[in-house]
Structure formats: C-alpha cells, structure tokens
N, C-alpha and C. Protein backbone atom coordinates (compact mmCIF):
# COMPACT_ATOMS: atom_id res chain seq x y z
N MET A 1 -12.98 -7.02 66.84
CA MET A 1 -12.03 -7.58 67.64
C MET A 1 -12.02 -7.03 69.18
N LEU A 2 -11.84 -7.91 70.04
CA LEU A 2 -11.68 -7.43 71.31
C LEU A 2 -10.38 -7.62 71.89
N VAL A 3 -9.65 -6.79 72.39
CA VAL A 3 -8.40 -6.80 73.03
C VAL A 3 -8.52 -6.25 74.35
N LYS A 4 -7.94 -7.14 75.36
CA LYS A 4 -7.90 -6.78 76.79
C LYS A 4 -6.50 -6.81 77.12
N ARG A 5 -5.89 -5.76 77.44
CA ARG A 5 -4.51 -5.68 77.90
C ARG A 5 -4.37 -6.18 79.38
N GLN A 6 -3.14 -6.81 79.74
CA GLN A 6 -2.87 -7.28 81.05
C GLN A 6 -3.12 -6.30 82.01
N MET A 7 -2.81 -4.94 81.73
CA MET A 7 -3.02 -3.99 82.85
C MET A 7 -4.50 -3.76 83.05
N GLU A 8 -5.51 -4.04 82.21
CA GLU A 8 -6.91 -3.88 82.11
C GLU A 8 -7.62 -4.95 82.95
N ILE A 9 -6.92 -6.13 83.13
CA ILE A 9 -7.44 -7.35 83.73
C ILE A 9 -7.72 -6.95 85.28
N GLU A 10 -9.09 -6.99 85.83
CA GLU A 10 -9.35 -6.79 87.06
C GLU A 10 -9.80 -8.13 87.80
N TRP A 11 -8.91 -8.51 88.87
CA TRP A 11 -9.36 -9.67 89.67
C TRP A 11 -10.53 -9.46 90.69
N ILE A 12 -11.43 -10.25 90.80
CA ILE A 12 -12.52 -10.00 91.71
C ILE A 12 -12.82 -11.20 92.41
N GLU A 13 -13.29 -11.19 93.60
CA GLU A 13 -13.49 -12.41 94.47
C GLU A 13 -14.57 -13.08 93.87
N ALA A 14 -14.53 -14.54 93.90
CA ALA A 14 -15.44 -15.28 93.19
C ALA A 14 -16.60 -15.85 94.14
N GLY A 15 -16.80 -15.43 95.34
CA GLY A 15 -17.60 -15.74 96.29
C GLY A 15 -17.29 -17.13 96.96
N VAL A 16 -16.09 -17.60 96.80
CA VAL A 16 -15.53 -18.84 97.46
C VAL A 16 -14.33 -18.44 97.89
N PRO A 17 -13.87 -18.82 99.24
CA PRO A 17 -12.66 -18.52 99.95
C PRO A 17 -11.47 -19.08 98.97
N GLY A 18 -10.50 -17.97 98.66
CA GLY A 18 -9.26 -18.42 97.89
C GLY A 18 -9.37 -18.58 96.44
N VAL A 19 -10.49 -17.97 95.96
CA VAL A 19 -10.88 -18.19 94.26
C VAL A 19 -11.04 -16.60 93.90
N GLN A 20 -10.39 -16.32 92.97
CA GLN A 20 -10.58 -14.99 92.21
C GLN A 20 -10.84 -15.12 90.75
N THR A 21 -11.56 -14.40 90.10
CA THR A 21 -11.81 -14.50 88.78
C THR A 21 -11.64 -13.20 88.14
N ALA A 22 -11.17 -13.27 86.86
CA ALA A 22 -11.11 -12.05 85.94
C ALA A 22 -11.77 -12.25 84.57
N ILE A 23 -12.86 -11.60 84.45
CA ILE A 23 -13.74 -11.67 83.13
C ILE A 23 -12.89 -11.24 81.87
N LEU A 24 -12.83 -11.97 80.98
CA LEU A 24 -12.07 -11.55 79.82
C LEU A 24 -13.11 -11.12 78.65
N TRP A 25 -14.17 -11.64 78.65
CA TRP A 25 -15.31 -11.33 77.82
C TRP A 25 -16.56 -12.24 78.15
N GLY A 26 -17.79 -11.72 77.67
CA GLY A 26 -18.97 -12.43 78.03
C GLY A 26 -20.05 -11.92 77.23
N THR A 27 -21.17 -12.82 77.17
CA THR A 27 -22.31 -12.15 76.59
C THR A 27 -23.55 -12.58 77.56
N LYS A 28 -24.73 -11.97 77.34
CA LYS A 28 -25.92 -12.08 78.06
C LYS A 28 -26.46 -13.49 78.07
N GLN A 29 -25.98 -14.37 76.87
CA GLN A 29 -26.42 -15.65 76.62
C GLN A 29 -25.60 -16.75 77.52
N GLY A 30 -24.51 -16.18 78.16
CA GLY A 30 -23.75 -17.10 78.96
C GLY A 30 -22.45 -17.56 78.29
N ASP A 31 -22.14 -16.95 77.12
CA ASP A 31 -20.98 -17.29 76.53
C ASP A 31 -19.78 -16.50 77.18
N GLY A 32 -18.63 -16.97 77.07
CA GLY A 32 -17.51 -16.07 77.59
C GLY A 32 -16.23 -16.76 77.93
N ALA A 33 -15.21 -15.91 78.48
CA ALA A 33 -14.01 -16.54 78.89
C ALA A 33 -13.50 -15.85 80.04
N HIS A 34 -12.99 -16.44 81.00
CA HIS A 34 -12.38 -15.96 82.12
C HIS A 34 -11.11 -16.61 82.76
N LEU A 35 -10.32 -15.90 83.58
CA LEU A 35 -9.26 -16.50 84.22
C LEU A 35 -9.77 -16.66 85.49
N THR A 36 -9.40 -17.84 86.16
CA THR A 36 -9.69 -18.16 87.59
C THR A 36 -8.45 -18.45 88.23
N ARG A 37 -8.38 -17.79 89.45
CA ARG A 37 -6.99 -18.07 90.29
C ARG A 37 -7.37 -18.63 91.51
N PHE A 38 -6.83 -19.78 91.79
CA PHE A 38 -6.97 -20.35 93.03
C PHE A 38 -5.78 -20.46 93.87
N ALA A 39 -5.90 -19.99 95.35
CA ALA A 39 -5.03 -20.22 96.21
C ALA A 39 -4.84 -21.85 96.61
N ALA A 40 -3.68 -22.33 96.98
CA ALA A 40 -3.54 -23.76 97.25
C ALA A 40 -4.67 -24.07 98.25
N ASN A 41 -5.30 -25.27 98.00
CA ASN A 41 -6.27 -25.99 98.89
C ASN A 41 -7.65 -25.16 98.66
N ALA A 42 -7.79 -24.15 97.82
CA ALA A 42 -9.11 -23.68 97.59
C ALA A 42 -9.99 -24.79 96.83
N ARG A 43 -11.30 -24.43 97.08
CA ARG A 43 -12.25 -25.42 96.48
C ARG A 43 -13.50 -24.73 95.81
N ALA A 44 -13.69 -24.87 94.56
CA ALA A 44 -15.04 -24.53 93.86
C ALA A 44 -15.98 -25.67 94.15
N PRO A 45 -17.19 -25.35 94.48
CA PRO A 45 -18.21 -26.41 94.69
C PRO A 45 -18.51 -27.09 93.53
N ARG A 46 -19.17 -28.21 93.67
CA ARG A 46 -19.59 -29.34 92.72
C ARG A 46 -20.81 -28.59 91.86
N HIS A 47 -20.68 -28.81 90.54
CA HIS A 47 -21.60 -28.19 89.77
C HIS A 47 -21.66 -28.86 88.30
N SER A 48 -22.72 -28.63 87.51
CA SER A 48 -22.75 -29.32 86.22
C SER A 48 -22.99 -28.19 85.19
N HIS A 49 -23.20 -28.50 83.93
CA HIS A 49 -23.19 -27.68 82.76
C HIS A 49 -24.45 -28.12 81.90
N VAL A 50 -25.54 -28.17 82.43
CA VAL A 50 -26.73 -28.83 81.74
C VAL A 50 -26.94 -27.73 80.57
N GLY A 51 -26.97 -28.47 79.36
CA GLY A 51 -27.23 -27.57 78.13
C GLY A 51 -26.12 -26.62 77.89
N ALA A 52 -24.90 -26.93 78.37
CA ALA A 52 -23.77 -26.00 78.13
C ALA A 52 -22.62 -26.68 77.98
N TRP A 53 -21.51 -26.05 77.80
CA TRP A 53 -20.26 -26.68 77.84
C TRP A 53 -19.17 -25.72 78.45
N GLU A 54 -18.01 -26.23 78.94
CA GLU A 54 -17.02 -25.44 79.52
C GLU A 54 -15.60 -26.23 78.93
N GLN A 55 -14.62 -25.34 78.72
CA GLN A 55 -13.29 -25.81 78.52
C GLN A 55 -12.37 -25.07 79.48
N ILE A 56 -11.54 -25.98 80.09
CA ILE A 56 -10.47 -25.38 81.10
C ILE A 56 -9.17 -25.70 80.58
N TYR A 57 -8.27 -24.62 80.50
CA TYR A 57 -6.82 -24.83 80.12
C TYR A 57 -6.05 -24.41 81.45
N VAL A 58 -5.26 -25.30 81.90
CA VAL A 58 -4.30 -25.04 83.21
C VAL A 58 -3.22 -24.06 82.67
N VAL A 59 -3.27 -22.74 83.03
CA VAL A 59 -2.13 -21.98 82.59
C VAL A 59 -1.01 -22.02 83.55
N GLN A 60 -1.16 -22.41 84.81
CA GLN A 60 -0.17 -22.57 85.70
C GLN A 60 -0.73 -23.30 86.99
N GLY A 61 0.04 -24.33 87.56
CA GLY A 61 -0.32 -24.89 88.69
C GLY A 61 -1.03 -26.41 88.47
N ARG A 62 -1.71 -26.93 89.56
CA ARG A 62 -2.32 -28.34 89.61
C ARG A 62 -3.58 -28.12 90.18
N LEU A 63 -4.58 -28.81 89.65
CA LEU A 63 -5.91 -28.76 90.08
C LEU A 63 -6.49 -30.16 90.10
N ASN A 64 -7.45 -30.49 91.16
CA ASN A 64 -8.17 -31.73 91.05
C ASN A 64 -9.61 -31.42 90.54
N LEU A 65 -9.92 -31.91 89.38
CA LEU A 65 -11.28 -31.50 88.76
C LEU A 65 -12.07 -32.68 88.77
N GLY A 66 -12.94 -32.82 89.83
CA GLY A 66 -13.86 -34.02 89.79
C GLY A 66 -13.22 -35.12 89.91
N GLY A 67 -12.03 -35.26 90.60
CA GLY A 67 -11.36 -36.73 90.79
C GLY A 67 -10.11 -36.69 89.79
N ILE A 68 -9.96 -35.94 88.71
CA ILE A 68 -8.94 -36.03 87.92
C ILE A 68 -7.89 -34.89 88.03
N ASP A 69 -6.59 -35.27 88.25
CA ASP A 69 -5.64 -34.28 88.46
C ASP A 69 -4.96 -33.84 87.21
N ILE A 70 -5.15 -32.42 86.93
CA ILE A 70 -4.79 -31.81 85.82
C ILE A 70 -3.59 -30.65 86.23
N ARG A 71 -2.70 -30.48 85.39
CA ARG A 71 -1.67 -29.62 85.64
C ARG A 71 -1.28 -28.64 84.45
N THR A 72 -0.22 -27.77 84.72
CA THR A 72 0.09 -26.90 83.52
C THR A 72 0.17 -27.47 82.09
N GLY A 73 -0.62 -26.74 81.46
CA GLY A 73 -0.71 -27.27 79.91
C GLY A 73 -1.79 -28.32 79.62
N ASP A 74 -2.43 -28.71 80.70
CA ASP A 74 -3.44 -29.70 80.37
C ASP A 74 -4.97 -28.90 79.97
N THR A 75 -5.85 -29.58 79.25
CA THR A 75 -7.10 -29.01 78.97
C THR A 75 -8.14 -29.97 79.29
N VAL A 76 -9.27 -29.64 79.60
CA VAL A 76 -10.48 -30.55 79.78
C VAL A 76 -11.56 -29.83 79.24
N TYR A 77 -12.43 -30.65 78.70
CA TYR A 77 -13.76 -30.19 78.05
C TYR A 77 -14.70 -30.98 78.68
N SER A 78 -15.82 -30.26 79.26
CA SER A 78 -17.06 -30.84 79.81
C SER A 78 -18.39 -30.18 79.17
N GLN A 79 -19.26 -31.05 79.33
CA GLN A 79 -20.56 -30.61 78.60
C GLN A 79 -21.79 -31.43 79.43
N GLY A 80 -22.88 -30.89 79.05
CA GLY A 80 -24.09 -31.57 79.43
C GLY A 80 -24.10 -31.75 80.91
N ASP A 81 -24.42 -32.99 81.45
CA ASP A 81 -24.52 -33.21 82.87
C ASP A 81 -23.29 -33.59 83.47
N ASP A 82 -22.06 -33.46 82.96
CA ASP A 82 -20.80 -33.70 83.66
C ASP A 82 -20.85 -32.70 84.90
N GLU A 83 -20.41 -33.44 85.96
CA GLU A 83 -20.51 -32.77 87.16
C GLU A 83 -19.05 -32.95 87.76
N HIS A 84 -18.55 -31.70 88.36
CA HIS A 84 -17.13 -31.63 89.07
C HIS A 84 -17.00 -30.62 89.98
N ASP A 85 -16.30 -30.73 90.89
CA ASP A 85 -15.73 -29.64 91.74
C ASP A 85 -14.20 -29.31 91.35
N ALA A 86 -13.59 -28.35 91.92
CA ALA A 86 -12.25 -28.13 91.58
C ALA A 86 -11.51 -27.90 92.86
N VAL A 87 -10.43 -28.57 93.20
CA VAL A 87 -9.68 -28.31 94.36
C VAL A 87 -8.15 -28.06 93.90
N ALA A 88 -7.70 -26.82 94.32
CA ALA A 88 -6.22 -26.41 93.79
C ALA A 88 -5.33 -27.38 94.65
N LEU A 89 -4.51 -27.95 94.16
CA LEU A 89 -3.43 -28.69 94.65
C LEU A 89 -2.15 -27.85 95.06
N GLU A 90 -2.12 -26.72 94.40
CA GLU A 90 -1.15 -25.66 94.63
C GLU A 90 -1.75 -24.36 94.01
N ASP A 91 -1.04 -23.30 94.21
CA ASP A 91 -1.49 -22.10 93.62
C ASP A 91 -1.81 -22.29 92.26
N THR A 92 -2.79 -21.86 91.57
CA THR A 92 -3.21 -22.44 90.23
C THR A 92 -3.89 -21.34 89.54
N VAL A 93 -3.74 -21.01 88.14
CA VAL A 93 -4.41 -20.26 87.35
C VAL A 93 -4.89 -20.98 86.15
N VAL A 94 -6.29 -20.90 85.94
CA VAL A 94 -6.79 -21.50 84.67
C VAL A 94 -7.52 -20.58 83.78
N LEU A 95 -7.68 -20.85 82.50
CA LEU A 95 -8.44 -20.21 81.61
C LEU A 95 -9.59 -20.92 81.32
N VAL A 96 -10.85 -20.38 81.49
CA VAL A 96 -12.02 -21.01 81.24
C VAL A 96 -12.76 -20.43 80.18
N THR A 97 -13.14 -21.06 79.13
CA THR A 97 -13.98 -20.63 78.02
C THR A 97 -15.35 -21.51 78.22
N HIS A 98 -16.48 -20.89 77.94
CA HIS A 98 -17.74 -21.51 78.33
C HIS A 98 -18.95 -21.09 77.18
N HIS A 99 -19.85 -21.96 77.21
CA HIS A 99 -21.12 -21.64 76.58
C HIS A 99 -22.22 -22.07 77.52
N GLY A 100 -23.12 -21.08 77.85
CA GLY A 100 -24.18 -21.39 78.83
C GLY A 100 -23.68 -21.31 80.20
N GLY A 101 -24.45 -21.49 81.17
CA GLY A 101 -24.18 -21.39 82.56
C GLY A 101 -23.89 -22.65 83.20
N THR A 102 -23.97 -22.52 84.59
CA THR A 102 -23.81 -23.69 85.48
C THR A 102 -24.81 -23.91 86.33
N GLN A 103 -25.10 -25.17 86.81
CA GLN A 103 -25.94 -25.70 87.75
C GLN A 103 -25.28 -25.99 89.04
N PRO A 104 -25.36 -25.11 90.12
CA PRO A 104 -24.75 -25.57 91.35
C PRO A 104 -25.39 -26.75 91.91
N LEU A 105 -24.60 -27.60 92.56
CA LEU A 105 -25.14 -29.08 92.96
C LEU A 105 -24.81 -29.14 94.57
N GLU A 106 -24.26 -28.08 95.12
CA GLU A 106 -24.27 -27.97 96.63
C GLU A 106 -24.24 -26.70 97.18
C-alpha cells in the first residue's frame, strides 16, 4: 500500500505556463496518477493517448477538455486516438489516472 500525505505532495512546473503537477505515483511503464493545477486561462496542448487511456476527475474548478466543458465532480475517460487539449475556465485542480503515455500533437 502506498500512502502519500498532503504535506508530502510536491507541486512542480509542468512545462506549460500556469500549469503545475504533483505526482502521486507512477511506474516505468507509464501507469500512474497525478494532480494537475491550472491557473485560470492556462492551456495544456493538444495530445492523444495512442495505446493508452486517461481518466480525469475534476476536484475543483472548470475545464474545457477538447471542446467539452467539465466542472467540479465531473469525470472523463479517454483512450486510443482520442485527441484533446485542456483550457482552464477558472482556477482548476484535476486528478488524472493513466495507463501509458501521451502523444503530443502540437
């Protein structure tokens, strides 16, 4: 069992302005979970999940994910060649669980 206490969570810059991430757990095979924090209007570039999947749960805030508005309590599952970007409509925190990696598209 892996336990990560709130005080142990380290937010790091995600390489995109206004976006930070906190790794909760991960494997060399690309499985894992992380929190992502978006400042209002921050945008994560378009990408896909070829041979992989991703599930997003909105902990707090609102996000436009590939043209679909999601908000606190909503969840989205994407897989295969699903493509999306992510634009924060307000300050937002999401929990992301995933298998495999992503393919940048821009």
